[in-house]
Structure formats: C-alpha cells, structure tokens
C-alpha cells in the first residue's frame, strides 16, 4: 500500500519537485548532499517500508537541509513550511560538492538529448511497458532494502554482527536498487 499524497509531508513534496526539475539521478543527488541514496529516496517519497507496511516519514532537519542545499531550495521555502532549524542550516550551507550551474545545465541538456533520441525510435507502448516493469521491480527492491537495513540496524543495536553472507546479501540489494534507479 502506498501512502496517499495527502499524507506525504510537505517537505518531501517540495524536495521531490525540486529533484524532478534538477535532472539529477538519485545517486548524483546523494553524492551532492553527502547522504546515502536510501536516505534520499526516503526523504523524497516521505515514506519508508517496515515489515511490509508503509510509514510516513518527515525528513530530519539535517537531511532536509543537505538536500535543500544540493537542490537549490531556499531557506525561506523551508521557513514557510515551519522548518526553522532546517532553514538555519541551509542558510549556513556552502554546497562545495554541487556542480557549477553551467556544468549541471550541460548534464541536463545531454540527458534531454538522449531521451529525445530514445523517444524518437522506441514505440510509446514499449516505453510504457518498460517503465511499469521497472517501477514494480524498483518498488520491490526498495522494500527488500528497507527490510534488510532495518534488520541490520536492529542487530547492530543489539550488539550482533552480521555474517559475511548477510552483508553480501545487503550489498547485493543495494547494488540492485542503484542499478534500477539509474536505469
């Protein structure tokens, strides 16, 4: 079950809109913000899967500020949402790892050109089928990743260390999510 749009935090909707306009991949955004791709995904969607249930999640101030800084969201926009602490953090951020505007614009322009070429040769029905297939697969991969990361955190908190095979399983799912997110 997916959380209704009305339940998704306003902060997540703001981040997601800026992310979609940016032309960045989730991996690019994670690198620019200095956080994990999983944290990016959770903050953008405003939800996390735990035990096959959807939980609505409000991004913490630090995560919100890092993503807002990387996406060019103003401190004032965060203040309008009542996120004063995150706004203060954004006002003090100097995003050194975010590419220069010209470089980002060039990356976005190149991706748009590739998309236009693909759209010119691949039938719409085939693209829609592939998007649907990848969306379902990506959602499954995210659920698996959320489950494994939650188990890993609970085990670490209890003082248990994961075996190499369990760690390899987690790494494999992380790689699967990364591949699916990057197409």
N, C-alpha and C. Protein backbone atom coordinates (compact mmCIF):
# COMPACT_ATOMS: atom_id res chain seq x y z
N UNK A 1 0.84 -1.19 0.00
CA UNK A 1 0.00 0.00 0.00
C UNK A 1 0.88 1.24 0.00
N UNK A 2 0.59 2.19 -0.84
CA UNK A 2 1.35 3.43 -0.94
C UNK A 2 0.59 4.51 -0.19
N UNK A 3 1.34 5.35 0.55
CA UNK A 3 0.71 6.43 1.31
C UNK A 3 0.05 7.41 0.35
N UNK A 4 -1.19 7.83 0.64
CA UNK A 4 -1.84 8.82 -0.21
C UNK A 4 -1.03 10.12 -0.23
N UNK A 5 -1.12 10.84 -1.35
CA UNK A 5 -0.37 12.08 -1.50
C UNK A 5 -0.64 13.04 -0.36
N UNK A 6 -1.87 13.06 0.16
CA UNK A 6 -2.21 13.97 1.25
C UNK A 6 -1.42 13.65 2.51
N UNK A 7 -0.94 12.40 2.65
CA UNK A 7 -0.18 12.02 3.84
C UNK A 7 1.31 12.27 3.68
N UNK A 8 1.78 12.50 2.47
CA UNK A 8 3.20 12.74 2.25
C UNK A 8 3.54 14.12 2.79
N UNK A 9 4.58 14.21 3.63
CA UNK A 9 4.94 15.50 4.22
C UNK A 9 5.21 16.57 3.15
N UNK A 10 4.85 17.80 3.46
CA UNK A 10 5.05 18.91 2.53
C UNK A 10 6.52 19.05 2.17
N UNK A 11 7.41 18.77 3.13
CA UNK A 11 8.85 18.86 2.87
C UNK A 11 9.25 17.88 1.77
N UNK A 12 8.70 16.67 1.83
CA UNK A 12 9.03 15.66 0.82
C UNK A 12 8.49 16.06 -0.54
N UNK A 13 7.30 16.63 -0.57
CA UNK A 13 6.75 17.08 -1.86
C UNK A 13 7.61 18.20 -2.45
N UNK A 14 8.09 19.12 -1.60
CA UNK A 14 8.97 20.21 -2.06
C UNK A 14 10.28 19.65 -2.60
N UNK A 15 10.89 18.73 -1.86
CA UNK A 15 12.15 18.12 -2.29
C UNK A 15 11.96 17.36 -3.60
N UNK A 16 10.89 16.57 -3.68
CA UNK A 16 10.66 15.77 -4.88
C UNK A 16 10.45 16.64 -6.11
N UNK A 17 9.72 17.73 -5.97
CA UNK A 17 9.51 18.63 -7.11
C UNK A 17 10.83 19.24 -7.58
N UNK A 18 11.66 19.67 -6.64
CA UNK A 18 12.96 20.26 -7.00
C UNK A 18 13.87 19.19 -7.62
N UNK A 19 13.81 17.99 -7.09
CA UNK A 19 14.61 16.88 -7.63
C UNK A 19 14.21 16.59 -9.07
N UNK A 20 12.92 16.51 -9.34
CA UNK A 20 12.46 16.22 -10.70
C UNK A 20 12.87 17.32 -11.68
N UNK A 21 12.87 18.55 -11.22
CA UNK A 21 13.31 19.66 -12.08
C UNK A 21 14.83 19.66 -12.30
N UNK A 22 15.57 19.08 -11.36
CA UNK A 22 17.02 19.17 -11.40
C UNK A 22 17.67 18.38 -12.52
N UNK A 23 17.06 17.26 -12.91
CA UNK A 23 17.67 16.41 -13.92
C UNK A 23 18.75 15.50 -13.36
N UNK A 24 18.97 15.54 -12.05
CA UNK A 24 19.97 14.69 -11.40
C UNK A 24 19.42 13.28 -11.20
N UNK A 25 20.32 12.32 -11.10
CA UNK A 25 19.91 10.99 -10.69
C UNK A 25 19.90 10.96 -9.17
N UNK A 26 19.28 9.95 -8.60
CA UNK A 26 19.28 9.82 -7.13
C UNK A 26 20.70 9.67 -6.61
N UNK A 27 21.55 8.95 -7.35
CA UNK A 27 22.94 8.78 -6.94
C UNK A 27 23.69 10.11 -6.98
N UNK A 28 23.44 10.92 -8.01
CA UNK A 28 24.08 12.25 -8.10
C UNK A 28 23.65 13.12 -6.92
N UNK A 29 22.36 13.09 -6.62
CA UNK A 29 21.85 13.90 -5.52
C UNK A 29 22.42 13.43 -4.19
N UNK A 30 22.50 12.12 -4.00
CA UNK A 30 23.07 11.58 -2.76
C UNK A 30 24.51 12.04 -2.60
N UNK A 31 25.29 11.98 -3.68
CA UNK A 31 26.68 12.40 -3.62
C UNK A 31 26.79 13.89 -3.34
N UNK A 32 25.94 14.68 -4.00
CA UNK A 32 25.98 16.13 -3.81
C UNK A 32 25.60 16.53 -2.39
N UNK A 33 24.65 15.80 -1.81
CA UNK A 33 24.17 16.13 -0.46
C UNK A 33 25.01 15.46 0.62
N UNK A 34 25.81 14.48 0.24
CA UNK A 34 26.63 13.79 1.23
C UNK A 34 25.85 12.84 2.12
N UNK A 35 24.79 12.24 1.57
CA UNK A 35 23.99 11.28 2.32
C UNK A 35 23.78 10.03 1.46
N UNK A 36 23.24 8.99 2.05
CA UNK A 36 23.04 7.74 1.30
C UNK A 36 21.87 7.87 0.32
N UNK A 37 21.92 7.04 -0.71
CA UNK A 37 20.82 7.02 -1.68
C UNK A 37 19.52 6.59 -1.02
N UNK A 38 19.60 5.71 -0.02
CA UNK A 38 18.41 5.29 0.71
C UNK A 38 17.77 6.45 1.45
N UNK A 39 18.60 7.29 2.07
CA UNK A 39 18.08 8.47 2.77
C UNK A 39 17.45 9.45 1.78
N UNK A 40 18.04 9.57 0.61
CA UNK A 40 17.47 10.45 -0.43
C UNK A 40 16.09 9.93 -0.81
N UNK A 41 16.01 8.64 -1.08
CA UNK A 41 14.74 8.04 -1.52
C UNK A 41 13.65 8.23 -0.47
N UNK A 42 14.00 7.99 0.79
CA UNK A 42 13.02 8.14 1.86
C UNK A 42 12.58 9.60 2.00
N UNK A 43 13.53 10.53 1.95
CA UNK A 43 13.18 11.95 2.10
C UNK A 43 12.32 12.44 0.93
N UNK A 44 12.63 11.99 -0.28
CA UNK A 44 11.85 12.42 -1.45
C UNK A 44 10.44 11.85 -1.46
N UNK A 45 10.31 10.61 -1.03
CA UNK A 45 8.99 9.96 -1.08
C UNK A 45 8.16 10.24 0.17
N UNK A 46 8.84 10.55 1.29
CA UNK A 46 8.11 10.77 2.53
C UNK A 46 7.57 9.50 3.13
N UNK A 47 8.12 8.37 2.71
CA UNK A 47 7.65 7.10 3.26
C UNK A 47 8.80 6.09 3.30
N UNK A 48 8.60 5.14 4.19
CA UNK A 48 9.55 4.05 4.37
C UNK A 48 8.75 2.78 4.58
N UNK A 49 9.29 1.69 4.10
CA UNK A 49 8.62 0.40 4.26
C UNK A 49 9.27 -0.33 5.43
N UNK A 50 8.45 -0.73 6.37
CA UNK A 50 8.90 -1.53 7.51
C UNK A 50 7.92 -2.67 7.69
N UNK A 51 8.44 -3.87 7.69
CA UNK A 51 7.61 -5.05 7.88
C UNK A 51 6.42 -5.04 6.92
N UNK A 52 6.69 -4.72 5.66
CA UNK A 52 5.69 -4.68 4.59
C UNK A 52 4.57 -3.67 4.84
N UNK A 53 4.82 -2.69 5.70
CA UNK A 53 3.85 -1.62 5.94
C UNK A 53 4.51 -0.29 5.57
N UNK A 54 3.69 0.62 5.07
CA UNK A 54 4.19 1.94 4.72
C UNK A 54 4.10 2.85 5.93
N UNK A 55 5.21 3.53 6.21
CA UNK A 55 5.22 4.51 7.29
C UNK A 55 5.53 5.87 6.69
N UNK A 56 4.75 6.87 7.04
CA UNK A 56 5.02 8.23 6.60
C UNK A 56 6.17 8.76 7.43
N UNK A 57 7.15 9.36 6.77
CA UNK A 57 8.36 9.82 7.43
C UNK A 57 8.62 11.29 7.08
N UNK A 58 8.83 12.11 8.09
CA UNK A 58 9.18 13.52 7.88
C UNK A 58 10.71 13.60 7.89
N UNK A 59 11.32 14.18 6.86
CA UNK A 59 12.78 14.24 6.82
C UNK A 59 13.34 15.02 8.01
N UNK A 60 14.39 14.49 8.67
CA UNK A 60 15.03 15.22 9.77
C UNK A 60 15.66 16.52 9.26
N UNK A 61 15.88 17.46 10.16
CA UNK A 61 16.42 18.76 9.78
C UNK A 61 17.72 18.65 8.99
N UNK A 62 18.66 17.83 9.46
CA UNK A 62 19.96 17.70 8.78
C UNK A 62 19.78 17.20 7.36
N UNK A 63 19.00 16.16 7.19
CA UNK A 63 18.77 15.58 5.86
C UNK A 63 18.06 16.59 4.96
N UNK A 64 17.04 17.22 5.50
CA UNK A 64 16.29 18.23 4.74
C UNK A 64 17.21 19.36 4.29
N UNK A 65 18.05 19.83 5.19
CA UNK A 65 18.95 20.94 4.86
C UNK A 65 19.97 20.54 3.80
N UNK A 66 20.53 19.34 3.91
CA UNK A 66 21.51 18.89 2.93
C UNK A 66 20.89 18.76 1.54
N UNK A 67 19.69 18.16 1.48
CA UNK A 67 19.03 18.01 0.20
C UNK A 67 18.58 19.36 -0.37
N UNK A 68 18.05 20.22 0.49
CA UNK A 68 17.63 21.55 0.05
C UNK A 68 18.82 22.32 -0.51
N UNK A 69 19.96 22.23 0.17
CA UNK A 69 21.16 22.92 -0.31
C UNK A 69 21.60 22.40 -1.67
N UNK A 70 21.59 21.08 -1.83
CA UNK A 70 22.01 20.48 -3.09
C UNK A 70 21.04 20.78 -4.23
N UNK A 71 19.76 20.96 -3.89
CA UNK A 71 18.74 21.21 -4.92
C UNK A 71 18.43 22.69 -5.13
N UNK A 72 19.10 23.55 -4.37
CA UNK A 72 18.88 24.99 -4.53
C UNK A 72 17.58 25.48 -3.94
N UNK A 73 17.04 24.79 -2.96
CA UNK A 73 15.82 25.22 -2.28
C UNK A 73 16.21 26.25 -1.23
N UNK A 74 15.54 27.36 -1.21
CA UNK A 74 15.90 28.46 -0.31
C UNK A 74 15.51 28.18 1.14
N UNK A 75 16.24 28.84 2.02
CA UNK A 75 15.92 28.76 3.45
C UNK A 75 14.50 29.29 3.69
N UNK A 76 14.12 30.30 2.93
CA UNK A 76 12.78 30.90 3.08
C UNK A 76 11.69 29.87 2.77
N UNK A 77 11.92 29.04 1.76
CA UNK A 77 10.93 28.00 1.42
C UNK A 77 10.75 27.03 2.59
N UNK A 78 11.84 26.73 3.28
CA UNK A 78 11.75 25.83 4.43
C UNK A 78 11.06 26.51 5.61
N UNK A 79 11.32 27.80 5.76
CA UNK A 79 10.63 28.56 6.83
C UNK A 79 9.13 28.56 6.60
N UNK A 80 8.72 28.69 5.34
CA UNK A 80 7.30 28.69 5.01
C UNK A 80 6.62 27.37 5.41
N UNK A 81 7.41 26.31 5.49
CA UNK A 81 6.89 25.01 5.92
C UNK A 81 7.03 24.79 7.42
N UNK A 82 7.52 25.82 8.11
CA UNK A 82 7.68 25.71 9.55
C UNK A 82 8.94 24.97 9.98
N UNK A 83 9.90 24.85 9.09
CA UNK A 83 11.13 24.12 9.39
C UNK A 83 12.28 25.10 9.62
N UNK A 84 12.18 25.84 10.71
CA UNK A 84 13.13 26.90 11.03
C UNK A 84 14.55 26.37 11.19
N UNK A 85 14.73 25.27 11.92
CA UNK A 85 16.08 24.74 12.14
C UNK A 85 16.71 24.32 10.82
N UNK A 86 15.97 23.65 9.96
CA UNK A 86 16.50 23.26 8.65
C UNK A 86 16.83 24.49 7.82
N UNK A 87 15.99 25.53 7.93
CA UNK A 87 16.25 26.77 7.21
C UNK A 87 17.55 27.41 7.69
N UNK A 88 17.79 27.38 8.99
CA UNK A 88 19.04 27.93 9.54
C UNK A 88 20.24 27.15 9.01
N UNK A 89 20.10 25.84 8.93
CA UNK A 89 21.19 25.03 8.41
C UNK A 89 21.46 25.34 6.94
N UNK A 90 20.39 25.50 6.15
CA UNK A 90 20.55 25.81 4.73
C UNK A 90 21.22 27.18 4.56
N UNK A 91 20.83 28.13 5.37
CA UNK A 91 21.40 29.47 5.27
C UNK A 91 22.90 29.45 5.51
N UNK A 92 23.38 28.48 6.28
CA UNK A 92 24.81 28.39 6.56
C UNK A 92 25.55 27.42 5.65
N UNK A 93 24.85 26.74 4.75
CA UNK A 93 25.49 25.75 3.88
C UNK A 93 26.21 26.40 2.70
N UNK A 94 27.35 25.84 2.38
CA UNK A 94 28.04 26.18 1.14
C UNK A 94 28.28 24.86 0.44
N UNK A 95 27.38 24.48 -0.48
CA UNK A 95 27.46 23.15 -1.08
C UNK A 95 28.64 23.02 -2.03
N UNK A 96 29.80 22.61 -1.49
CA UNK A 96 31.01 22.50 -2.29
C UNK A 96 30.93 21.40 -3.32
N UNK A 97 30.16 20.34 -3.05
CA UNK A 97 30.14 19.21 -3.97
C UNK A 97 29.09 19.33 -5.06
N UNK A 98 28.30 20.38 -5.05
CA UNK A 98 27.30 20.57 -6.09
C UNK A 98 27.97 21.16 -7.32
N UNK A 99 27.77 20.58 -8.50
CA UNK A 99 28.43 21.10 -9.68
C UNK A 99 28.00 22.52 -10.00
N UNK A 100 28.87 23.23 -10.67
CA UNK A 100 28.57 24.61 -11.08
C UNK A 100 27.32 24.60 -11.95
N UNK A 101 26.60 25.72 -11.94
CA UNK A 101 25.35 25.81 -12.70
C UNK A 101 25.54 25.44 -14.16
N UNK A 102 26.64 25.88 -14.76
CA UNK A 102 26.89 25.59 -16.18
C UNK A 102 27.08 24.08 -16.40
N UNK A 103 27.82 23.45 -15.49
CA UNK A 103 28.06 22.02 -15.62
C UNK A 103 26.76 21.24 -15.44
N UNK A 104 25.96 21.62 -14.45
CA UNK A 104 24.68 20.95 -14.22
C UNK A 104 23.76 21.14 -15.42
N UNK A 105 23.74 22.33 -15.98
CA UNK A 105 22.90 22.61 -17.15
C UNK A 105 23.34 21.75 -18.34
N UNK A 106 24.65 21.57 -18.50
CA UNK A 106 25.16 20.75 -19.60
C UNK A 106 24.76 19.29 -19.42
N UNK A 107 24.83 18.79 -18.19
CA UNK A 107 24.43 17.40 -17.91
C UNK A 107 22.95 17.22 -18.22
N UNK A 108 22.13 18.16 -17.78
CA UNK A 108 20.69 18.08 -18.01
C UNK A 108 20.39 18.13 -19.51
N UNK A 109 21.06 19.02 -20.23
CA UNK A 109 20.85 19.14 -21.68
C UNK A 109 21.24 17.85 -22.39
N UNK A 110 22.34 17.23 -21.97
CA UNK A 110 22.77 15.98 -22.59
C UNK A 110 21.76 14.87 -22.35
N UNK A 111 21.25 14.80 -21.12
CA UNK A 111 20.26 13.76 -20.81
C UNK A 111 18.97 13.98 -21.61
N UNK A 112 18.57 15.22 -21.75
CA UNK A 112 17.36 15.50 -22.53
C UNK A 112 17.55 15.08 -23.98
N UNK A 113 18.76 15.31 -24.53
CA UNK A 113 19.03 14.92 -25.92
C UNK A 113 18.95 13.41 -26.07
N UNK A 114 19.49 12.68 -25.12
CA UNK A 114 19.42 11.21 -25.16
C UNK A 114 17.97 10.76 -25.06
N UNK A 115 17.21 11.35 -24.15
CA UNK A 115 15.79 10.99 -24.01
C UNK A 115 15.03 11.24 -25.31
N UNK A 116 15.31 12.37 -25.95
CA UNK A 116 14.64 12.69 -27.21
C UNK A 116 14.96 11.65 -28.28
N UNK A 117 16.22 11.20 -28.33
CA UNK A 117 16.61 10.18 -29.30
C UNK A 117 15.90 8.86 -29.02
N UNK A 118 15.82 8.48 -27.76
CA UNK A 118 15.14 7.24 -27.40
C UNK A 118 13.66 7.33 -27.76
N UNK A 119 13.04 8.44 -27.43
CA UNK A 119 11.61 8.61 -27.72
C UNK A 119 11.33 8.59 -29.22
N UNK A 120 12.32 9.01 -30.02
CA UNK A 120 12.12 9.04 -31.46
C UNK A 120 12.12 7.65 -32.09
N UNK A 121 12.78 6.68 -31.45
CA UNK A 121 12.89 5.36 -32.09
C UNK A 121 12.14 4.24 -31.36
N UNK A 122 11.79 4.42 -30.11
CA UNK A 122 11.11 3.35 -29.36
C UNK A 122 9.62 3.67 -29.28
N UNK A 123 8.78 2.72 -29.67
CA UNK A 123 7.33 2.96 -29.62
C UNK A 123 6.85 3.28 -28.19
N UNK A 124 5.86 4.16 -28.10
CA UNK A 124 5.33 4.59 -26.81
C UNK A 124 4.86 3.42 -25.96
N UNK A 125 4.16 2.47 -26.56
CA UNK A 125 3.65 1.33 -25.81
C UNK A 125 4.79 0.54 -25.17
N UNK A 126 5.88 0.38 -25.91
CA UNK A 126 7.04 -0.36 -25.39
C UNK A 126 7.68 0.39 -24.22
N UNK A 127 7.78 1.71 -24.34
CA UNK A 127 8.33 2.53 -23.24
C UNK A 127 7.44 2.44 -22.00
N UNK A 128 6.13 2.54 -22.20
CA UNK A 128 5.22 2.47 -21.06
C UNK A 128 5.31 1.12 -20.36
N UNK A 129 5.42 0.05 -21.12
CA UNK A 129 5.54 -1.28 -20.53
C UNK A 129 6.84 -1.40 -19.73
N UNK A 130 7.93 -0.87 -20.28
CA UNK A 130 9.22 -0.93 -19.58
C UNK A 130 9.21 -0.08 -18.32
N UNK A 131 8.60 1.09 -18.37
CA UNK A 131 8.51 1.95 -17.19
C UNK A 131 7.70 1.25 -16.10
N UNK A 132 6.60 0.62 -16.48
CA UNK A 132 5.78 -0.08 -15.50
C UNK A 132 6.57 -1.24 -14.89
N UNK A 133 7.26 -2.01 -15.73
CA UNK A 133 8.04 -3.15 -15.24
C UNK A 133 9.13 -2.69 -14.27
N UNK A 134 9.86 -1.64 -14.64
CA UNK A 134 10.93 -1.15 -13.78
C UNK A 134 10.38 -0.56 -12.49
N UNK A 135 9.25 0.12 -12.56
CA UNK A 135 8.65 0.69 -11.36
C UNK A 135 8.28 -0.37 -10.35
N UNK A 136 7.68 -1.45 -10.83
CA UNK A 136 7.30 -2.53 -9.93
C UNK A 136 8.54 -3.20 -9.35
N UNK A 137 9.53 -3.42 -10.17
CA UNK A 137 10.76 -4.06 -9.72
C UNK A 137 11.50 -3.16 -8.73
N UNK A 138 11.54 -1.86 -9.00
CA UNK A 138 12.23 -0.93 -8.12
C UNK A 138 11.54 -0.87 -6.76
N UNK A 139 10.21 -0.87 -6.77
CA UNK A 139 9.48 -0.84 -5.51
C UNK A 139 9.78 -2.10 -4.68
N UNK A 140 9.85 -3.24 -5.35
CA UNK A 140 10.19 -4.48 -4.65
C UNK A 140 11.61 -4.40 -4.08
N UNK A 141 12.54 -3.87 -4.85
CA UNK A 141 13.93 -3.75 -4.40
C UNK A 141 14.03 -2.81 -3.21
N UNK A 142 13.28 -1.72 -3.24
CA UNK A 142 13.27 -0.78 -2.11
C UNK A 142 12.73 -1.45 -0.85
N UNK A 143 11.66 -2.24 -1.00
CA UNK A 143 11.12 -2.95 0.15
C UNK A 143 12.14 -3.91 0.73
N UNK A 144 12.84 -4.65 -0.15
CA UNK A 144 13.88 -5.57 0.32
C UNK A 144 14.99 -4.81 1.03
N UNK A 145 15.40 -3.68 0.47
CA UNK A 145 16.47 -2.89 1.07
C UNK A 145 16.05 -2.33 2.42
N UNK A 146 14.84 -1.79 2.50
CA UNK A 146 14.35 -1.26 3.78
C UNK A 146 14.32 -2.36 4.85
N UNK A 147 13.86 -3.55 4.47
CA UNK A 147 13.78 -4.67 5.41
C UNK A 147 15.17 -5.06 5.90
N UNK A 148 16.11 -5.21 4.97
CA UNK A 148 17.46 -5.61 5.36
C UNK A 148 18.16 -4.55 6.19
N UNK A 149 18.00 -3.26 5.81
CA UNK A 149 18.65 -2.19 6.57
C UNK A 149 18.06 -2.09 7.98
N UNK A 150 16.76 -2.30 8.10
CA UNK A 150 16.13 -2.27 9.42
C UNK A 150 16.65 -3.44 10.27
N UNK A 151 16.77 -4.62 9.67
CA UNK A 151 17.30 -5.77 10.39
C UNK A 151 18.75 -5.55 10.81
N UNK A 152 19.53 -4.97 9.91
CA UNK A 152 20.93 -4.71 10.22
C UNK A 152 21.05 -3.73 11.39
N UNK A 153 20.25 -2.66 11.35
CA UNK A 153 20.29 -1.66 12.43
C UNK A 153 19.85 -2.28 13.76
N UNK A 154 18.80 -3.09 13.74
CA UNK A 154 18.32 -3.73 14.96
C UNK A 154 19.37 -4.68 15.52
N UNK A 155 20.01 -5.44 14.63
CA UNK A 155 21.05 -6.37 15.08
C UNK A 155 22.25 -5.61 15.65
N UNK A 156 22.64 -4.52 14.99
CA UNK A 156 23.77 -3.73 15.49
C UNK A 156 23.45 -3.15 16.86
N UNK A 157 22.23 -2.67 17.01
CA UNK A 157 21.81 -2.09 18.29
C UNK A 157 21.82 -3.15 19.40
N UNK A 158 21.53 -4.39 19.02
CA UNK A 158 21.53 -5.48 19.99
C UNK A 158 22.93 -6.06 20.20
N UNK A 159 23.90 -5.53 19.46
CA UNK A 159 25.28 -5.98 19.63
C UNK A 159 25.67 -7.16 18.77
N UNK A 160 24.85 -7.50 17.78
CA UNK A 160 25.16 -8.61 16.88
C UNK A 160 25.87 -8.11 15.64
N UNK A 161 26.78 -8.90 15.13
CA UNK A 161 27.49 -8.59 13.90
C UNK A 161 26.97 -9.51 12.81
N UNK A 162 26.73 -8.96 11.64
CA UNK A 162 26.22 -9.75 10.54
C UNK A 162 27.32 -10.61 9.95
N UNK A 163 26.92 -11.80 9.48
CA UNK A 163 27.87 -12.69 8.80
C UNK A 163 28.21 -12.09 7.44
N UNK A 164 29.28 -12.59 6.85
CA UNK A 164 29.69 -12.12 5.53
C UNK A 164 28.59 -12.37 4.50
N UNK A 165 27.88 -13.49 4.63
CA UNK A 165 26.83 -13.80 3.66
C UNK A 165 25.65 -12.83 3.79
N UNK A 166 25.29 -12.46 5.04
CA UNK A 166 24.19 -11.48 5.23
C UNK A 166 24.61 -10.11 4.71
N UNK A 167 25.87 -9.73 4.98
CA UNK A 167 26.37 -8.44 4.49
C UNK A 167 26.41 -8.43 2.96
N UNK A 168 26.80 -9.56 2.37
CA UNK A 168 26.83 -9.68 0.91
C UNK A 168 25.42 -9.55 0.34
N UNK A 169 24.44 -10.13 1.03
CA UNK A 169 23.04 -10.02 0.58
C UNK A 169 22.60 -8.56 0.59
N UNK A 170 22.93 -7.84 1.67
CA UNK A 170 22.58 -6.42 1.76
C UNK A 170 23.26 -5.62 0.64
N UNK A 171 24.54 -5.89 0.43
CA UNK A 171 25.28 -5.18 -0.63
C UNK A 171 24.68 -5.46 -2.00
N UNK A 172 24.25 -6.71 -2.22
CA UNK A 172 23.65 -7.09 -3.49
C UNK A 172 22.33 -6.33 -3.72
N UNK A 173 21.52 -6.21 -2.68
CA UNK A 173 20.25 -5.49 -2.81
C UNK A 173 20.52 -4.00 -3.02
N UNK A 174 21.49 -3.44 -2.32
CA UNK A 174 21.85 -2.03 -2.55
C UNK A 174 22.26 -1.80 -3.99
N UNK A 175 23.06 -2.70 -4.53
CA UNK A 175 23.50 -2.60 -5.92
C UNK A 175 22.31 -2.72 -6.87
N UNK A 176 21.38 -3.64 -6.57
CA UNK A 176 20.18 -3.80 -7.39
C UNK A 176 19.37 -2.52 -7.42
N UNK A 177 19.19 -1.88 -6.26
CA UNK A 177 18.45 -0.62 -6.19
C UNK A 177 19.17 0.45 -7.00
N UNK A 178 20.50 0.53 -6.84
CA UNK A 178 21.28 1.54 -7.57
C UNK A 178 21.12 1.36 -9.09
N UNK A 179 21.23 0.10 -9.55
CA UNK A 179 21.08 -0.16 -10.99
C UNK A 179 19.69 0.23 -11.47
N UNK A 180 18.67 -0.12 -10.71
CA UNK A 180 17.30 0.20 -11.12
C UNK A 180 17.05 1.70 -11.11
N UNK A 181 17.59 2.40 -10.12
CA UNK A 181 17.39 3.86 -10.06
C UNK A 181 18.11 4.57 -11.19
N UNK A 182 19.23 4.03 -11.64
CA UNK A 182 19.99 4.68 -12.68
C UNK A 182 19.66 4.15 -14.08
N UNK A 183 18.66 3.27 -14.15
CA UNK A 183 18.18 2.78 -15.43
C UNK A 183 19.08 1.75 -16.01
